[in-house]
N, C-alpha and C. Protein backbone atom coordinates (compact mmCIF):
# COMPACT_ATOMS: atom_id res chain seq x y z
N MET A 1 50.23 14.69 22.32
CA MET A 1 52.32 15.27 21.33
C MET A 1 52.51 14.08 20.60
N ASP A 2 51.90 12.69 20.67
CA ASP A 2 52.26 11.68 19.81
C ASP A 2 51.71 12.00 18.66
N VAL A 3 50.73 12.16 18.30
CA VAL A 3 49.66 12.59 17.38
C VAL A 3 50.83 13.85 16.53
N LEU A 4 51.01 14.91 17.29
CA LEU A 4 51.35 15.68 16.43
C LEU A 4 52.88 15.63 15.97
N ARG A 5 53.74 14.51 17.00
CA ARG A 5 55.01 14.48 16.44
C ARG A 5 55.05 13.29 15.05
N TRP A 6 53.96 12.47 15.20
CA TRP A 6 53.87 11.36 13.63
C TRP A 6 53.25 12.64 12.47
N LEU A 7 52.41 13.52 12.95
CA LEU A 7 51.78 14.40 12.03
C LEU A 7 53.45 15.02 11.23
N PHE A 8 54.27 15.80 11.74
CA PHE A 8 55.54 16.02 11.58
C PHE A 8 56.47 15.62 10.92
N GLU A 9 56.60 14.16 11.23
CA GLU A 9 57.71 13.38 11.07
C GLU A 9 57.13 12.27 9.77
N ALA A 10 55.80 12.27 9.88
CA ALA A 10 55.40 10.86 8.67
C ALA A 10 55.43 11.07 7.42
N LYS A 11 56.04 10.47 6.87
CA LYS A 11 56.35 10.28 5.23
C LYS A 11 56.20 8.98 4.50
N LEU A 12 55.75 9.40 3.32
CA LEU A 12 55.48 8.39 2.49
C LEU A 12 56.60 8.07 1.39
N THR A 13 57.28 7.35 1.76
CA THR A 13 58.53 6.58 0.61
C THR A 13 58.26 6.16 -0.47
N ILE A 14 58.64 6.72 -1.60
CA ILE A 14 58.05 6.13 -3.02
C ILE A 14 59.64 6.28 -3.80
N GLY A 15 60.06 4.66 -4.16
CA GLY A 15 61.43 4.75 -4.94
C GLY A 15 62.09 5.92 -4.15
N GLY A 16 63.05 6.67 -4.53
CA GLY A 16 63.96 7.16 -4.05
C GLY A 16 63.83 8.30 -3.51
N GLY A 17 62.44 8.72 -3.28
CA GLY A 17 62.11 9.87 -2.37
C GLY A 17 61.24 9.81 -1.58
N PHE A 18 60.25 10.70 -1.12
CA PHE A 18 59.07 10.61 -0.40
C PHE A 18 58.23 12.20 -0.67
N ILE A 19 56.81 11.53 0.34
CA ILE A 19 56.14 12.81 0.30
C ILE A 19 55.55 12.80 1.48
N LEU A 20 55.72 13.83 2.16
CA LEU A 20 54.74 14.28 3.37
C LEU A 20 53.77 13.76 3.58
N TRP A 21 53.09 13.26 4.46
CA TRP A 21 51.67 12.75 4.73
C TRP A 21 51.03 14.02 5.12
N ARG A 22 51.90 15.12 5.53
CA ARG A 22 51.03 16.66 5.84
C ARG A 22 50.57 16.83 4.68
N GLU A 23 51.34 17.04 3.90
CA GLU A 23 50.94 17.46 2.68
C GLU A 23 50.13 16.76 2.05
N VAL A 24 49.50 15.40 1.89
CA VAL A 24 48.82 14.86 1.63
C VAL A 24 47.71 15.43 2.36
N LEU A 25 47.47 15.15 3.69
CA LEU A 25 46.31 15.52 4.18
C LEU A 25 45.74 17.03 4.12
N GLY A 26 46.72 17.66 3.63
CA GLY A 26 46.16 19.27 3.41
C GLY A 26 45.80 19.37 1.76
N ASN A 27 45.99 18.76 1.02
CA ASN A 27 45.41 18.97 -0.02
C ASN A 27 44.13 17.68 0.14
N VAL A 28 43.99 17.15 0.79
CA VAL A 28 42.66 16.37 0.84
C VAL A 28 41.58 17.01 1.23
N PHE A 29 42.20 18.18 2.69
CA PHE A 29 41.37 19.37 3.12
C PHE A 29 40.59 19.75 2.00
N GLY A 30 41.73 20.53 1.33
CA GLY A 30 41.73 21.09 0.42
C GLY A 30 40.75 21.46 -0.63
N LEU A 31 40.84 19.67 -1.30
CA LEU A 31 39.90 19.05 -2.11
C LEU A 31 38.44 19.20 -1.48
N LEU A 32 38.13 18.78 -0.08
CA LEU A 32 36.96 18.83 0.24
C LEU A 32 36.03 20.16 0.62
N SER A 33 37.21 21.01 1.10
CA SER A 33 36.63 22.63 0.85
C SER A 33 36.56 22.94 -0.83
N ALA A 34 37.03 22.48 -1.78
CA ALA A 34 36.66 22.79 -2.73
C ALA A 34 35.29 22.19 -2.95
N PHE A 35 34.87 21.08 -3.12
CA PHE A 35 33.88 20.28 -3.04
C PHE A 35 32.60 20.98 -2.46
N GLY A 36 32.46 21.31 -1.30
CA GLY A 36 31.77 21.98 -0.27
C GLY A 36 31.56 23.38 -1.18
N GLY A 37 32.26 24.18 -1.83
CA GLY A 37 32.10 25.57 -2.01
C GLY A 37 31.54 25.34 -3.33
N MET A 38 31.84 24.30 -4.27
CA MET A 38 30.94 23.93 -5.27
C MET A 38 29.57 23.83 -5.17
N ARG A 39 29.10 22.98 -3.64
CA ARG A 39 27.85 22.86 -3.52
C ARG A 39 27.23 24.05 -2.57
N ARG A 40 28.23 24.89 -2.41
CA ARG A 40 27.59 26.00 -1.59
C ARG A 40 27.19 25.85 -0.45
N ARG A 41 28.19 25.21 0.53
CA ARG A 41 28.15 24.61 1.96
C ARG A 41 29.14 25.41 3.04
N VAL A 42 28.69 26.16 3.70
CA VAL A 42 29.41 26.90 4.90
C VAL A 42 30.49 25.82 5.43
N TRP A 43 30.24 24.43 5.69
CA TRP A 43 31.27 24.19 5.87
C TRP A 43 32.20 24.00 5.65
N ALA A 44 32.43 24.46 4.42
CA ALA A 44 33.51 24.59 3.39
C ALA A 44 35.02 25.33 3.49
N TRP A 45 34.45 26.62 4.66
CA TRP A 45 35.67 27.36 4.96
C TRP A 45 36.26 26.44 5.81
N PRO A 46 35.51 26.30 6.94
CA PRO A 46 36.59 25.74 8.26
C PRO A 46 37.13 24.35 7.71
N VAL A 47 36.25 23.52 7.06
CA VAL A 47 37.46 22.57 6.05
C VAL A 47 38.54 22.66 5.58
N GLY A 48 38.31 24.04 4.91
CA GLY A 48 39.61 24.52 3.97
C GLY A 48 40.82 25.24 5.12
N ILE A 49 40.37 25.78 5.99
CA ILE A 49 41.28 26.40 7.14
C ILE A 49 42.26 25.17 7.70
N VAL A 50 41.41 24.08 7.53
CA VAL A 50 42.55 23.20 8.70
C VAL A 50 43.62 22.62 7.71
N GLY A 51 43.08 22.54 6.13
CA GLY A 51 44.07 22.20 5.36
C GLY A 51 44.99 23.45 4.62
N ASN A 52 44.61 24.57 5.08
CA ASN A 52 45.59 25.55 5.29
C ASN A 52 46.70 25.69 6.21
N VAL A 53 46.34 25.35 7.32
CA VAL A 53 47.03 25.18 8.38
C VAL A 53 48.47 24.11 8.07
N LEU A 54 47.89 22.93 7.80
CA LEU A 54 48.84 21.77 7.23
C LEU A 54 49.81 22.00 6.16
N LEU A 55 49.08 22.77 5.25
CA LEU A 55 50.29 22.90 4.21
C LEU A 55 51.07 24.36 4.64
N PHE A 56 50.57 25.27 5.22
CA PHE A 56 51.72 26.33 5.77
C PHE A 56 52.85 25.56 6.38
N THR A 57 52.54 24.72 7.06
CA THR A 57 54.09 23.85 8.32
C THR A 57 54.85 23.45 6.87
N VAL A 58 54.21 22.63 5.83
CA VAL A 58 54.40 21.76 4.52
C VAL A 58 55.59 22.82 3.83
N PHE A 59 54.95 24.18 3.44
CA PHE A 59 55.93 24.77 2.59
C PHE A 59 56.94 25.81 2.99
N LEU A 60 56.83 25.78 4.33
CA LEU A 60 57.94 26.18 5.29
C LEU A 60 58.81 25.13 6.02
N GLY A 61 59.20 24.03 5.36
CA GLY A 61 59.76 22.96 5.83
C GLY A 61 60.82 22.92 6.27
N ALA A 62 62.15 24.08 6.00
CA ALA A 62 62.89 24.46 6.56
C ALA A 62 62.99 24.85 8.01
N VAL A 63 61.84 25.60 8.23
CA VAL A 63 61.27 26.51 9.38
C VAL A 63 60.96 24.93 10.51
N PHE A 64 60.06 24.70 9.92
CA PHE A 64 59.17 23.50 10.96
C PHE A 64 59.96 21.98 10.92
N GLY A 65 61.61 21.97 10.56
CA GLY A 65 62.10 20.80 10.65
C GLY A 65 61.73 19.59 9.85
N SER A 66 61.20 20.08 8.66
CA SER A 66 60.65 19.19 7.70
C SER A 66 62.23 18.88 6.75
N PRO A 67 62.07 17.50 6.56
CA PRO A 67 63.18 16.83 5.41
C PRO A 67 63.21 17.59 4.29
N HIS A 68 62.20 18.18 3.72
CA HIS A 68 62.14 18.83 2.29
C HIS A 68 62.96 19.96 2.49
N PRO A 69 64.07 20.33 1.72
CA PRO A 69 64.85 21.43 1.56
C PRO A 69 64.17 22.66 1.10
N VAL A 70 63.40 22.60 0.31
CA VAL A 70 62.63 23.87 -0.54
C VAL A 70 61.96 24.81 0.14
N ASN A 71 61.89 26.05 0.25
CA ASN A 71 60.80 26.82 1.24
C ASN A 71 60.32 27.70 -0.11
N LEU A 72 58.87 27.31 0.01
CA LEU A 72 58.02 28.12 -1.34
C LEU A 72 57.25 29.32 -0.33
N LEU A 73 57.96 30.52 -0.18
CA LEU A 73 57.51 32.00 0.48
C LEU A 73 55.94 32.03 -0.04
N GLY A 74 55.80 31.66 -1.21
CA GLY A 74 54.34 32.32 -1.96
C GLY A 74 53.72 31.21 -1.45
N GLN A 75 53.77 30.04 -1.56
CA GLN A 75 53.02 29.21 -1.50
C GLN A 75 52.64 28.94 0.38
N ALA A 76 53.39 29.35 0.71
CA ALA A 76 53.51 29.54 2.40
C ALA A 76 52.58 30.50 3.02
N GLY A 77 52.75 31.45 2.06
CA GLY A 77 51.97 32.63 2.41
C GLY A 77 50.62 32.97 1.99
N ARG A 78 50.31 31.97 1.08
CA ARG A 78 49.09 32.19 0.69
C ARG A 78 48.19 31.07 1.51
N GLN A 79 48.41 30.31 2.47
CA GLN A 79 47.84 29.74 3.46
C GLN A 79 47.42 30.63 4.37
N VAL A 80 48.51 31.85 5.09
CA VAL A 80 47.94 32.38 5.59
C VAL A 80 46.62 33.32 5.42
N MET A 81 46.93 33.92 4.01
CA MET A 81 46.04 34.59 3.57
C MET A 81 44.66 33.87 3.38
N PHE A 82 44.66 32.56 3.08
CA PHE A 82 43.51 31.67 2.71
C PHE A 82 42.72 31.74 4.49
N ILE A 83 43.61 31.82 5.44
CA ILE A 83 43.32 31.58 6.34
C ILE A 83 42.12 32.82 6.74
N VAL A 84 42.70 33.97 6.76
CA VAL A 84 42.36 35.44 6.97
C VAL A 84 40.76 35.75 6.02
N VAL A 85 41.07 35.04 4.87
CA VAL A 85 40.23 35.29 3.96
C VAL A 85 38.79 34.14 4.22
N SER A 86 39.39 33.13 4.56
CA SER A 86 38.09 32.46 4.99
C SER A 86 37.31 32.44 5.97
N ILE A 87 37.96 33.50 6.59
CA ILE A 87 37.00 33.81 7.76
C ILE A 87 36.21 34.58 7.80
N TYR A 88 36.31 35.50 6.59
CA TYR A 88 35.24 36.33 6.07
C TYR A 88 34.30 35.91 5.21
N GLY A 89 35.04 34.70 4.51
CA GLY A 89 33.90 34.04 3.47
C GLY A 89 33.37 33.28 4.38
N TRP A 90 33.66 32.42 5.54
CA TRP A 90 32.90 31.96 6.24
C TRP A 90 31.63 32.76 7.43
N TYR A 91 31.93 34.12 7.65
CA TYR A 91 30.96 34.63 7.96
C TYR A 91 30.19 35.40 7.10
N ARG A 92 30.46 35.37 5.96
CA ARG A 92 29.58 35.96 4.95
C ARG A 92 28.71 35.17 4.25
N TRP A 93 29.01 33.72 4.11
CA TRP A 93 27.78 32.48 3.82
C TRP A 93 26.90 32.26 4.89
N ARG A 94 27.76 32.11 6.47
CA ARG A 94 26.82 32.05 7.25
C ARG A 94 25.33 33.11 7.71
N GLN A 95 25.72 34.34 7.02
CA GLN A 95 24.96 35.08 7.20
C GLN A 95 23.72 35.06 5.88
N ALA A 96 24.23 34.50 4.97
CA ALA A 96 23.64 34.58 3.51
C ALA A 96 22.68 33.29 3.38
N ARG A 97 23.00 32.24 4.54
CA ARG A 97 22.76 30.89 4.29
C ARG A 97 21.08 30.76 4.44
N GLY A 98 20.64 30.06 3.21
CA GLY A 98 19.05 30.08 3.28
C GLY A 98 18.69 28.60 4.13
N ASP A 99 17.12 28.23 3.66
CA ASP A 99 16.40 27.19 4.72
C ASP A 99 17.25 25.97 3.73
N ALA A 100 17.85 25.91 2.61
CA ALA A 100 17.89 24.74 1.92
C ALA A 100 19.67 24.54 2.11
N GLY A 101 20.76 25.12 3.14
CA GLY A 101 21.65 24.62 3.35
C GLY A 101 22.68 25.39 2.46
N THR A 102 22.32 25.87 1.39
CA THR A 102 23.22 26.58 0.65
C THR A 102 23.56 28.48 0.81
N ALA A 103 24.59 28.77 1.14
CA ALA A 103 24.86 30.02 1.28
C ALA A 103 24.46 31.23 0.63
N VAL A 104 25.22 31.22 -0.98
CA VAL A 104 25.21 32.34 -1.73
C VAL A 104 24.60 32.09 -2.93
N THR A 105 23.86 32.49 -3.43
CA THR A 105 23.39 32.36 -5.20
C THR A 105 24.25 33.01 -5.89
N PRO A 106 24.97 32.23 -7.02
CA PRO A 106 26.42 32.56 -7.51
C PRO A 106 25.65 33.90 -8.59
N GLN A 107 26.65 34.53 -8.92
CA GLN A 107 26.16 35.66 -9.77
C GLN A 107 27.50 36.05 -10.53
N TRP A 108 27.35 36.55 -11.87
CA TRP A 108 28.55 37.17 -12.70
C TRP A 108 29.00 38.58 -11.95
N ALA A 109 30.38 38.48 -12.12
CA ALA A 109 30.84 39.56 -11.67
C ALA A 109 30.90 40.89 -12.91
N SER A 110 30.67 42.11 -12.84
CA SER A 110 30.66 43.41 -13.47
C SER A 110 31.86 43.41 -14.60
N ASN A 111 31.76 44.01 -15.61
CA ASN A 111 32.90 44.21 -16.64
C ASN A 111 33.80 44.79 -15.61
N PRO A 112 33.31 45.87 -14.87
CA PRO A 112 34.58 46.38 -14.72
C PRO A 112 35.19 45.42 -13.50
N THR A 113 34.65 44.95 -12.41
CA THR A 113 35.22 44.08 -11.53
C THR A 113 35.91 42.93 -12.48
N ARG A 114 35.76 42.67 -13.59
CA ARG A 114 36.62 41.34 -14.31
C ARG A 114 37.78 42.24 -14.78
N VAL A 115 37.84 43.55 -15.18
CA VAL A 115 38.55 44.24 -15.91
C VAL A 115 39.91 44.35 -14.29
N GLY A 116 39.06 44.74 -13.55
CA GLY A 116 39.98 44.68 -12.01
C GLY A 116 40.50 43.47 -11.39
N LEU A 117 39.87 42.46 -11.76
CA LEU A 117 40.74 40.95 -11.51
C LEU A 117 41.51 40.94 -12.16
N VAL A 118 42.06 41.04 -13.69
CA VAL A 118 43.17 40.96 -14.31
C VAL A 118 43.98 41.60 -14.03
N LEU A 119 43.67 42.73 -13.96
CA LEU A 119 44.84 43.95 -13.40
C LEU A 119 45.20 43.64 -12.07
N ALA A 120 44.33 43.20 -11.29
CA ALA A 120 45.07 42.84 -10.01
C ALA A 120 45.87 41.87 -9.88
N LEU A 121 46.02 40.77 -10.85
CA LEU A 121 46.38 39.61 -11.03
C LEU A 121 47.89 39.80 -11.33
N VAL A 122 47.79 40.47 -12.57
CA VAL A 122 49.34 40.97 -13.28
C VAL A 122 50.07 41.78 -12.64
N VAL A 123 49.47 43.31 -12.08
CA VAL A 123 49.92 44.10 -11.19
C VAL A 123 50.79 43.31 -10.07
N GLY A 124 49.81 42.62 -9.18
CA GLY A 124 50.18 41.89 -7.91
C GLY A 124 51.25 41.22 -7.95
N THR A 125 51.04 40.34 -8.92
CA THR A 125 52.23 39.50 -9.40
C THR A 125 53.96 40.15 -10.23
N GLY A 126 53.97 41.27 -10.49
CA GLY A 126 54.81 41.99 -10.69
C GLY A 126 55.35 42.87 -9.75
N VAL A 127 54.40 42.99 -8.39
CA VAL A 127 54.96 44.01 -7.13
C VAL A 127 55.72 42.94 -6.39
N LEU A 128 54.79 41.64 -6.22
CA LEU A 128 55.27 40.60 -5.53
C LEU A 128 56.49 39.91 -5.39
N THR A 129 56.61 39.75 -6.72
CA THR A 129 57.99 39.05 -7.74
C THR A 129 59.17 39.26 -6.84
N PRO A 130 59.63 40.76 -6.84
CA PRO A 130 60.86 41.42 -6.30
C PRO A 130 60.63 41.10 -4.66
N ALA A 131 60.00 40.98 -4.16
CA ALA A 131 59.82 41.06 -2.68
C ALA A 131 60.41 39.68 -2.39
N PHE A 132 59.20 38.61 -3.17
CA PHE A 132 59.61 36.91 -2.67
C PHE A 132 61.20 36.84 -3.13
N ARG A 133 61.44 37.34 -4.32
CA ARG A 133 62.70 36.88 -4.72
C ARG A 133 64.23 37.04 -3.43
N ALA A 134 63.57 38.32 -3.14
CA ALA A 134 64.58 39.03 -2.26
C ALA A 134 64.43 38.20 -0.57
N LEU A 135 63.64 37.74 -0.51
CA LEU A 135 63.01 37.13 0.77
C LEU A 135 63.85 35.26 0.25
N GLY A 136 64.45 35.58 -1.05
CA GLY A 136 64.67 33.34 -0.94
C GLY A 136 63.79 32.57 -1.51
N SER A 137 62.35 33.07 -2.02
CA SER A 137 61.74 31.89 -2.46
C SER A 137 62.20 31.65 -3.78
N TYR A 138 61.94 30.26 -3.84
CA TYR A 138 62.46 29.47 -5.20
C TYR A 138 61.79 29.87 -6.32
N GLU A 139 62.61 29.25 -7.26
CA GLU A 139 62.56 30.08 -8.71
C GLU A 139 61.86 29.16 -9.65
N PRO A 140 60.77 29.53 -10.66
CA PRO A 140 60.80 31.02 -10.99
C PRO A 140 59.94 31.94 -9.80
N VAL A 141 60.40 32.64 -9.43
CA VAL A 141 59.75 33.45 -8.46
C VAL A 141 58.66 34.05 -8.77
N TRP A 142 58.35 34.43 -10.05
CA TRP A 142 56.98 35.33 -10.46
C TRP A 142 55.75 34.27 -10.80
N ALA A 143 56.22 32.82 -10.87
CA ALA A 143 55.26 31.90 -10.44
C ALA A 143 54.78 31.75 -8.93
N ASP A 144 55.73 31.86 -7.86
CA ASP A 144 55.27 31.97 -6.88
C ASP A 144 53.96 33.13 -6.32
N ALA A 145 54.84 34.19 -7.02
CA ALA A 145 53.92 35.52 -6.63
C ALA A 145 52.40 35.47 -7.56
N TRP A 146 52.37 34.76 -8.33
CA TRP A 146 51.33 34.58 -9.66
C TRP A 146 50.28 33.82 -8.80
N ILE A 147 50.66 32.65 -8.14
CA ILE A 147 50.12 31.85 -7.28
C ILE A 147 49.24 32.34 -6.35
N PHE A 148 49.90 33.03 -5.10
CA PHE A 148 49.49 33.90 -4.50
C PHE A 148 48.60 35.08 -4.63
N VAL A 149 48.79 35.73 -5.63
CA VAL A 149 47.75 37.07 -6.16
C VAL A 149 46.94 36.22 -6.34
N GLY A 150 46.68 34.89 -7.27
CA GLY A 150 45.28 34.45 -8.01
C GLY A 150 44.54 33.74 -7.07
N SER A 151 45.23 33.10 -6.17
CA SER A 151 44.88 32.34 -4.85
C SER A 151 44.28 33.51 -4.07
N LEU A 152 44.40 34.75 -3.52
CA LEU A 152 43.79 35.97 -2.63
C LEU A 152 42.82 36.12 -3.51
N LEU A 153 42.73 36.29 -5.04
CA LEU A 153 41.54 36.57 -5.66
C LEU A 153 40.64 35.53 -6.03
N ALA A 154 40.69 34.11 -5.94
CA ALA A 154 39.80 33.40 -6.41
C ALA A 154 39.19 33.27 -5.10
N THR A 155 39.69 33.37 -3.61
CA THR A 155 39.12 33.09 -2.40
C THR A 155 38.51 34.41 -2.47
N LEU A 156 38.72 35.72 -2.16
CA LEU A 156 37.76 36.68 -2.33
C LEU A 156 36.30 36.38 -3.39
N GLY A 157 36.63 36.15 -4.21
CA GLY A 157 35.44 35.69 -5.78
C GLY A 157 34.41 34.89 -5.30
N MET A 158 35.38 33.57 -4.25
CA MET A 158 34.00 32.71 -4.01
C MET A 158 33.29 33.21 -2.77
N ALA A 159 34.41 34.11 -1.74
CA ALA A 159 33.27 34.70 -0.93
C ALA A 159 32.17 35.38 -1.33
N ARG A 160 32.31 36.23 -2.52
CA ARG A 160 31.76 37.23 -2.86
C ARG A 160 30.62 36.50 -3.99
N GLY A 161 30.66 35.30 -4.24
CA GLY A 161 29.73 34.76 -4.91
C GLY A 161 30.10 34.60 -6.49
N TRP A 162 30.96 35.31 -6.93
CA TRP A 162 31.27 35.24 -8.50
C TRP A 162 31.24 33.97 -8.86
N VAL A 163 30.86 33.91 -10.12
CA VAL A 163 30.92 32.54 -10.90
C VAL A 163 32.48 32.53 -11.46
N GLU A 164 33.29 33.76 -11.94
CA GLU A 164 34.52 33.81 -12.18
C GLU A 164 35.52 33.69 -11.46
N PHE A 165 35.29 33.16 -10.15
CA PHE A 165 36.10 32.75 -9.23
C PHE A 165 36.95 31.24 -9.65
N TRP A 166 36.28 30.35 -10.03
CA TRP A 166 36.51 29.18 -10.42
C TRP A 166 37.67 29.43 -11.78
N LEU A 167 37.56 30.08 -12.71
CA LEU A 167 38.16 30.33 -13.55
C LEU A 167 39.61 30.66 -13.38
N ILE A 168 39.65 31.75 -12.14
CA ILE A 168 41.29 32.42 -11.68
C ILE A 168 41.58 31.06 -10.88
N TRP A 169 40.87 30.02 -10.41
CA TRP A 169 41.92 28.54 -9.63
C TRP A 169 42.70 27.97 -11.13
N VAL A 170 41.63 28.19 -12.59
CA VAL A 170 42.23 27.59 -13.35
C VAL A 170 43.47 27.61 -13.62
N ALA A 171 43.55 29.62 -13.92
CA ALA A 171 44.99 30.15 -14.19
C ALA A 171 46.24 29.67 -13.12
N VAL A 172 45.41 29.94 -11.65
CA VAL A 172 46.74 29.31 -11.05
C VAL A 172 47.28 27.95 -10.91
N ASP A 173 46.34 27.22 -11.19
CA ASP A 173 46.49 25.77 -11.52
C ASP A 173 47.74 25.77 -12.86
N ILE A 174 47.14 26.13 -13.76
CA ILE A 174 48.11 26.00 -14.99
C ILE A 174 49.62 26.34 -14.30
N VAL A 175 49.64 27.90 -13.65
CA VAL A 175 51.33 27.78 -13.23
C VAL A 175 51.56 27.23 -12.25
N GLY A 176 50.68 26.26 -11.45
CA GLY A 176 51.36 25.85 -10.19
C GLY A 176 52.05 24.42 -10.16
N VAL A 177 51.23 23.76 -11.18
CA VAL A 177 51.57 22.55 -11.39
C VAL A 177 53.17 22.45 -11.75
N PRO A 178 53.33 23.08 -13.03
CA PRO A 178 55.12 22.76 -13.30
C PRO A 178 55.87 23.58 -12.18
N LEU A 179 55.59 24.71 -11.19
CA LEU A 179 56.22 24.82 -10.51
C LEU A 179 56.58 23.72 -9.22
N LEU A 180 55.68 22.83 -8.50
CA LEU A 180 55.43 22.32 -7.46
C LEU A 180 56.54 21.08 -7.75
N ILE A 181 56.42 20.69 -9.38
CA ILE A 181 56.94 19.68 -10.01
C ILE A 181 58.53 20.04 -9.91
N SER A 182 58.84 21.46 -10.19
CA SER A 182 60.36 21.51 -10.03
C SER A 182 60.79 21.64 -8.64
N ALA A 183 59.78 21.74 -7.44
CA ALA A 183 60.27 21.93 -6.24
C ALA A 183 60.56 20.59 -5.78
N GLY A 184 59.68 19.74 -6.10
CA GLY A 184 59.52 18.59 -5.45
C GLY A 184 58.75 17.84 -4.79
N TYR A 185 57.44 19.18 -4.66
CA TYR A 185 56.42 18.62 -4.13
C TYR A 185 55.36 17.77 -4.66
N TRP A 186 55.44 16.60 -4.90
CA TRP A 186 54.63 15.83 -6.07
C TRP A 186 53.09 15.65 -5.70
N ALA A 187 52.61 15.79 -4.43
CA ALA A 187 51.27 15.29 -3.98
C ALA A 187 50.64 16.37 -4.44
N SER A 188 50.97 17.91 -4.12
CA SER A 188 50.99 19.19 -4.23
C SER A 188 50.57 19.15 -5.89
N ALA A 189 51.37 18.87 -6.23
CA ALA A 189 51.62 19.23 -7.90
C ALA A 189 50.32 17.91 -8.71
N VAL A 190 50.66 16.78 -7.92
CA VAL A 190 49.61 15.98 -8.75
C VAL A 190 47.84 16.56 -8.26
N MET A 191 47.67 17.01 -6.83
CA MET A 191 46.54 17.47 -6.82
C MET A 191 46.05 18.81 -7.73
N TYR A 192 47.21 19.61 -7.74
CA TYR A 192 47.01 20.59 -8.62
C TYR A 192 46.31 20.30 -10.04
N ILE A 193 46.65 19.58 -10.51
CA ILE A 193 46.00 18.95 -11.93
C ILE A 193 44.61 17.99 -11.59
N PHE A 194 44.43 17.92 -10.65
CA PHE A 194 43.04 17.09 -10.17
C PHE A 194 42.13 18.50 -9.92
N TYR A 195 42.65 19.49 -9.57
CA TYR A 195 41.84 20.78 -8.92
C TYR A 195 41.70 21.35 -10.16
N GLY A 196 42.73 21.33 -11.63
CA GLY A 196 42.30 22.17 -12.67
C GLY A 196 40.61 21.29 -12.87
N CYS A 197 41.23 20.05 -13.05
CA CYS A 197 39.84 19.21 -13.95
C CYS A 197 38.22 19.65 -12.75
N PHE A 198 38.70 19.95 -11.41
CA PHE A 198 37.55 20.28 -10.78
C PHE A 198 37.38 21.61 -10.77
N THR A 199 38.07 22.20 -10.98
CA THR A 199 37.51 24.21 -11.15
C THR A 199 36.61 24.51 -12.35
N LEU A 200 37.14 23.37 -13.23
CA LEU A 200 36.34 23.70 -14.70
C LEU A 200 34.85 23.36 -14.48
N THR A 201 35.03 22.08 -13.62
CA THR A 201 33.53 21.47 -13.09
C THR A 201 32.65 22.47 -12.69
N GLY A 202 33.65 22.84 -11.34
CA GLY A 202 32.98 23.89 -10.52
C GLY A 202 32.54 25.40 -11.61
N PHE A 203 33.10 25.66 -12.38
CA PHE A 203 32.51 26.76 -13.16
C PHE A 203 31.32 26.45 -13.72
N PHE A 204 30.75 25.31 -14.51
CA PHE A 204 29.84 25.29 -15.05
C PHE A 204 28.94 24.79 -14.05
N VAL A 205 29.11 23.99 -13.07
CA VAL A 205 27.94 24.04 -11.78
C VAL A 205 27.55 25.51 -11.00
N TRP A 206 28.62 26.55 -11.23
CA TRP A 206 27.92 27.63 -10.50
C TRP A 206 27.28 28.35 -11.82
N TRP A 207 27.44 28.29 -13.05
CA TRP A 207 26.77 28.58 -14.09
C TRP A 207 25.61 28.62 -14.10
N ARG A 208 25.43 27.28 -14.02
CA ARG A 208 24.14 26.45 -14.24
C ARG A 208 23.22 26.92 -13.10
N TYR A 209 23.67 26.83 -11.71
CA TYR A 209 23.33 27.47 -10.60
C TYR A 209 22.39 29.03 -10.98
N ARG A 210 23.42 30.03 -11.89
CA ARG A 210 23.29 30.97 -12.03
C ARG A 210 22.45 31.43 -12.89
N ASN A 211 22.23 30.30 -13.96
CA ASN A 211 21.40 30.74 -15.07
C ASN A 211 19.91 30.15 -14.38
N GLN A 212 19.76 28.89 -13.51
CA GLN A 212 18.60 28.68 -12.82
C GLN A 212 18.04 30.02 -11.89
N ALA A 213 18.83 30.70 -11.35
CA ALA A 213 18.40 31.91 -10.39
C ALA A 213 17.69 32.74 -11.28
N ALA A 214 18.74 32.72 -12.36
CA ALA A 214 17.98 34.30 -13.46
C ALA A 214 16.67 33.94 -14.19
N THR A 215 16.38 32.73 -14.42
CA THR A 215 15.24 32.31 -14.99
C THR A 215 13.88 32.57 -14.31
N PRO A 216 12.96 33.41 -14.77
CA PRO A 216 12.07 33.63 -14.07
C PRO A 216 10.97 32.50 -13.84
N ARG A 217 10.16 32.08 -12.71
CA ARG A 217 9.11 31.17 -12.67
C ARG A 217 7.96 31.26 -12.87
N VAL A 218 7.38 30.52 -14.04
CA VAL A 218 6.10 31.07 -14.42
C VAL A 218 5.27 30.10 -14.06
N GLU A 219 4.01 30.59 -12.88
CA GLU A 219 3.16 29.88 -12.22
C GLU A 219 1.71 29.82 -13.04
N ILE A 220 1.35 28.92 -13.31
CA ILE A 220 0.06 29.03 -13.87
C ILE A 220 -1.19 28.42 -12.89
N VAL A 221 -1.98 29.46 -12.82
CA VAL A 221 -3.16 29.25 -12.00
C VAL A 221 -4.66 28.57 -12.66
N PHE A 222 -4.94 27.87 -12.45
CA PHE A 222 -6.04 27.09 -13.23
C PHE A 222 -7.40 28.06 -12.27
N PRO A 223 -8.49 28.37 -12.81
CA PRO A 223 -9.84 28.45 -12.31
C PRO A 223 -10.21 27.50 -11.52
N ASP A 224 -10.42 28.48 -10.49
CA ASP A 224 -11.58 27.32 -9.37
C ASP A 224 -12.33 26.93 -9.88
N PRO A 225 -12.96 25.47 -9.93
CA PRO A 225 -14.20 24.97 -10.60
C PRO A 225 -15.48 25.06 -9.69
N ARG A 226 -15.55 25.44 -8.89
CA ARG A 226 -16.44 25.87 -7.54
C ARG A 226 -16.89 26.86 -7.51
N VAL A 227 -16.17 27.91 -8.40
CA VAL A 227 -16.34 29.37 -8.56
C VAL A 227 -17.25 29.52 -10.01
N GLU A 228 -18.67 30.08 -10.34
CA GLU A 228 -19.20 29.74 -11.36
C GLU A 228 -18.74 31.55 -11.83
N SER A 229 -18.88 31.33 -13.27
CA SER A 229 -18.36 32.64 -14.08
C SER A 229 -19.52 33.42 -14.12
């Protein structure tokens, strides 16, 4: 109980403000999960789930007795979504794991799938914005909805092994950084900036994996000198 009490109450004071240690730890677990995802390791999913649980309590601070007064419903809701989709991704990657420990072979999404992802991001944001506003989410509400929908699509894309899922994360980070700064979640905002650079790196790493997997191997067989022609 003492550990839980510390986890919920501990904060890092900086100048006249503070950062919750839960927010820092949740983002660290998220970064470790992203690194594991880039390496295509199954452990990326359970590590990410731990971070999701921590951040859920952060973004619903008023509910969990946090000194932070701002609730971000989209940010909190996406942690629940992350957990659900991560269970699916965890199962899928465990089933596909090879002898080398890697879980999936990166592949490009089809053109219809790409169009569907873009439409889902735009339409989903439009649908959820009034719902989040009615629930009292932080303004601009459309940004919170964009982050929620984009995170869902990116996590699903990671589970499916689509290279493009990294670019969806970039789109999420671009909107997420200014929203988190304005809401006072400085630790998450800084991590989002770092995530943006990291996700671009992950995109090129998976792109390279995809090219290597698509390149046919040419095996040269030399004649056996013991066999006379």
